[in-house]
Amino acid sequence: MILSELSEKVARISDIYAAEHGIDRSGDWAILKLQEELGELTAEHLRQSGRARGEADPAALADEAADVLGMLLIYCDRAGIDLEQAMQDKWLHWLEPKTDGQPA
């Protein structure tokens, strides 16, 4: 699955969830939710590394990482960011051969 397909599916799921739970997703909701999910991932990371209370749960760490990615995709969609293009421009271009014939 490519990133744009994943983004579309995540947005549909978010729409369903918001409708079922009466969530107002206006304004800065997406960036605030992204921050919330990053905090939850951080808390789980601290549990995994023995630096926070509670039982470490590898499945919970994966769940929180998925939440961060999902909210990042939603934020980018709402902000008009083409994340695939942004990744190409910022990161992946380093893997392309240089124009002078030398590898990157």
C-alpha atoms as a PDB file:
ATOM      1  CA  MET A   1       0.000   0.000   0.000  1.00  0.00           C
ATOM      2  CA  ILE A   2       1.357   3.411  -0.881  1.00  0.00           C
ATOM      3  CA  LEU A   3       1.230   6.355   1.487  1.00  0.00           C
ATOM      4  CA  SER A   4      -1.599   8.139  -0.329  1.00  0.00           C
ATOM      5  CA  GLU A   5      -3.797   5.013  -0.095  1.00  0.00           C
ATOM      6  CA  LEU A   6      -3.008   4.671   3.599  1.00  0.00           C
ATOM      7  CA  SER A   7      -3.797   8.350   4.142  1.00  0.00           C
ATOM      8  CA  GLU A   8      -7.173   7.997   2.417  1.00  0.00           C
ATOM      9  CA  LYS A   9      -8.118   4.964   4.525  1.00  0.00           C
ATOM     10  CA  VAL A  10      -7.033   6.660   7.753  1.00  0.00           C
ATOM     11  CA  ALA A  11      -9.105   9.749   6.874  1.00  0.00           C
ATOM     12  CA  ARG A  12     -12.181   7.587   6.248  1.00  0.00           C
ATOM     13  CA  ILE A  13     -11.745   5.818   9.573  1.00  0.00           C
ATOM     14  CA  SER A  14     -11.290   9.164  11.332  1.00  0.00           C
ATOM     15  CA  ASP A  15     -14.503  10.441   9.729  1.00  0.00           C
ATOM     16  CA  ILE A  16     -16.415   7.384  10.951  1.00  0.00           C
ATOM     17  CA  TYR A  17     -14.955   7.633  14.466  1.00  0.00           C
ATOM     18  CA  ALA A  18     -15.694  11.364  14.731  1.00  0.00           C
ATOM     19  CA  ALA A  19     -19.276  10.878  13.563  1.00  0.00           C
ATOM     20  CA  GLU A  20     -19.908   8.021  15.991  1.00  0.00           C
ATOM     21  CA  HIS A  21     -18.464   9.913  18.966  1.00  0.00           C
ATOM     22  CA  GLY A  22     -19.543  13.467  18.130  1.00  0.00           C
ATOM     23  CA  ILE A  23     -15.981  14.805  17.900  1.00  0.00           C
ATOM     24  CA  ASP A  24     -15.480  18.357  16.619  1.00  0.00           C
ATOM     25  CA  ARG A  25     -12.411  18.217  14.395  1.00  0.00           C
ATOM     26  CA  SER A  26     -12.314  21.884  13.459  1.00  0.00           C
ATOM     27  CA  GLY A  27      -9.407  24.312  13.574  1.00  0.00           C
ATOM     28  CA  ASP A  28      -6.207  23.009  15.107  1.00  0.00           C
ATOM     29  CA  TRP A  29      -7.695  19.668  16.173  1.00  0.00           C
ATOM     30  CA  ALA A  30      -5.372  17.554  14.000  1.00  0.00           C
ATOM     31  CA  ILE A  31      -2.111  19.067  15.271  1.00  0.00           C
ATOM     32  CA  LEU A  32      -3.304  18.868  18.873  1.00  0.00           C
ATOM     33  CA  LYS A  33      -4.274  15.205  18.429  1.00  0.00           C
ATOM     34  CA  LEU A  34      -0.892  14.521  16.832  1.00  0.00           C
ATOM     35  CA  GLN A  35       0.782  16.021  19.903  1.00  0.00           C
ATOM     36  CA  GLU A  36      -1.458  13.971  22.203  1.00  0.00           C
ATOM     37  CA  GLU A  37      -0.596  10.749  20.388  1.00  0.00           C
ATOM     38  CA  LEU A  38       3.113  11.577  20.441  1.00  0.00           C
ATOM     39  CA  GLY A  39       2.809  12.045  24.201  1.00  0.00           C
ATOM     40  CA  GLU A  40       1.180   8.630  24.520  1.00  0.00           C
ATOM     41  CA  LEU A  41       3.951   7.064  22.417  1.00  0.00           C
ATOM     42  CA  THR A  42       6.538   8.773  24.625  1.00  0.00           C
ATOM     43  CA  ALA A  43       4.839   7.492  27.791  1.00  0.00           C
ATOM     44  CA  GLU A  44       4.819   3.956  26.443  1.00  0.00           C
ATOM     45  CA  HIS A  45       8.470   4.279  25.412  1.00  0.00           C
ATOM     46  CA  LEU A  46       9.302   5.319  28.975  1.00  0.00           C
ATOM     47  CA  ARG A  47       7.459   2.264  30.319  1.00  0.00           C
ATOM     48  CA  GLN A  48       9.374   0.034  27.885  1.00  0.00           C
ATOM     49  CA  SER A  49      12.688   1.457  29.058  1.00  0.00           C
ATOM     50  CA  GLY A  50      11.822   1.168  32.763  1.00  0.00           C
ATOM     51  CA  ARG A  51      11.657   4.926  33.301  1.00  0.00           C
ATOM     52  CA  ALA A  52       7.932   5.163  34.049  1.00  0.00           C
ATOM     53  CA  ARG A  53       5.347   3.382  36.146  1.00  0.00           C
ATOM     54  CA  GLY A  54       3.275   0.571  34.780  1.00  0.00           C
ATOM     55  CA  GLU A  55       3.706  -2.621  32.866  1.00  0.00           C
ATOM     56  CA  ALA A  56       5.617  -2.406  29.573  1.00  0.00           C
ATOM     57  CA  ASP A  57       3.516  -3.674  26.689  1.00  0.00           C
ATOM     58  CA  PRO A  58       5.190  -4.065  23.273  1.00  0.00           C
ATOM     59  CA  ALA A  59       1.761  -4.177  21.583  1.00  0.00           C
ATOM     60  CA  ALA A  60       0.855  -0.846  23.201  1.00  0.00           C
ATOM     61  CA  LEU A  61       4.067   0.695  21.855  1.00  0.00           C
ATOM     62  CA  ALA A  62       3.147  -0.429  18.342  1.00  0.00           C
ATOM     63  CA  ASP A  63      -0.425   0.852  18.784  1.00  0.00           C
ATOM     64  CA  GLU A  64       0.803   4.275  19.850  1.00  0.00           C
ATOM     65  CA  ALA A  65       3.265   4.442  16.948  1.00  0.00           C
ATOM     66  CA  ALA A  66       0.361   3.653  14.599  1.00  0.00           C
ATOM     67  CA  ASP A  67      -1.697   6.422  16.231  1.00  0.00           C
ATOM     68  CA  VAL A  68       1.123   8.928  15.661  1.00  0.00           C
ATOM     69  CA  LEU A  69       1.426   7.951  12.004  1.00  0.00           C
ATOM     70  CA  GLY A  70      -2.348   8.051  11.533  1.00  0.00           C
ATOM     71  CA  MET A  71      -2.627  11.510  13.039  1.00  0.00           C
ATOM     72  CA  LEU A  72       0.357  12.746  11.026  1.00  0.00           C
ATOM     73  CA  LEU A  73      -1.386  11.585   7.853  1.00  0.00           C
ATOM     74  CA  ILE A  74      -4.596  13.328   8.900  1.00  0.00           C
ATOM     75  CA  TYR A  75      -2.725  16.524   9.798  1.00  0.00           C
ATOM     76  CA  CYS A  76      -0.893  16.573   6.460  1.00  0.00           C
ATOM     77  CA  ASP A  77      -4.117  16.010   4.546  1.00  0.00           C
ATOM     78  CA  ARG A  78      -5.819  18.902   6.357  1.00  0.00           C
ATOM     79  CA  ALA A  79      -2.774  21.156   5.921  1.00  0.00           C
ATOM     80  CA  GLY A  80      -2.545  20.415   2.207  1.00  0.00           C
ATOM     81  CA  ILE A  81       0.827  18.698   2.523  1.00  0.00           C
ATOM     82  CA  ASP A  82       1.661  16.051  -0.063  1.00  0.00           C
ATOM     83  CA  LEU A  83       3.650  13.890   2.330  1.00  0.00           C
ATOM     84  CA  GLU A  84       4.997  11.601  -0.378  1.00  0.00           C
ATOM     85  CA  GLN A  85       6.381  14.610  -2.274  1.00  0.00           C
ATOM     86  CA  ALA A  86       7.678  16.185   0.927  1.00  0.00           C
ATOM     87  CA  MET A  87       9.561  12.980   1.760  1.00  0.00           C
ATOM     88  CA  GLN A  88      10.988  12.886  -1.747  1.00  0.00           C
ATOM     89  CA  ASP A  89      12.098  16.506  -1.523  1.00  0.00           C
ATOM     90  CA  LYS A  90      13.494  16.352   2.019  1.00  0.00           C
ATOM     91  CA  TRP A  91      14.856  12.804   2.375  1.00  0.00           C
ATOM     92  CA  LEU A  92      14.694  10.502  -0.626  1.00  0.00           C
ATOM     93  CA  HIS A  93      16.532  12.778  -3.031  1.00  0.00           C
ATOM     94  CA  TRP A  94      19.724  11.790  -1.223  1.00  0.00           C
ATOM     95  CA  LEU A  95      19.422   8.316  -2.775  1.00  0.00           C
ATOM     96  CA  GLU A  96      19.319   9.655  -6.328  1.00  0.00           C
ATOM     97  CA  PRO A  97      22.488   9.891  -8.420  1.00  0.00           C
ATOM     98  CA  LYS A  98      24.017  13.343  -8.538  1.00  0.00           C
ATOM     99  CA  THR A  99      23.678  15.143 -11.844  1.00  0.00           C
ATOM    100  CA  ASP A 100      27.477  15.162 -12.343  1.00  0.00           C
ATOM    101  CA  GLY A 101      27.371  11.386 -12.699  1.00  0.00           C
ATOM    102  CA  GLN A 102      28.555  10.711  -9.154  1.00  0.00           C
ATOM    103  CA  PRO A 103      26.306   8.674  -6.853  1.00  0.00           C
ATOM    104  CA  ALA A 104      24.611  10.500  -4.017  1.00  0.00           C
END
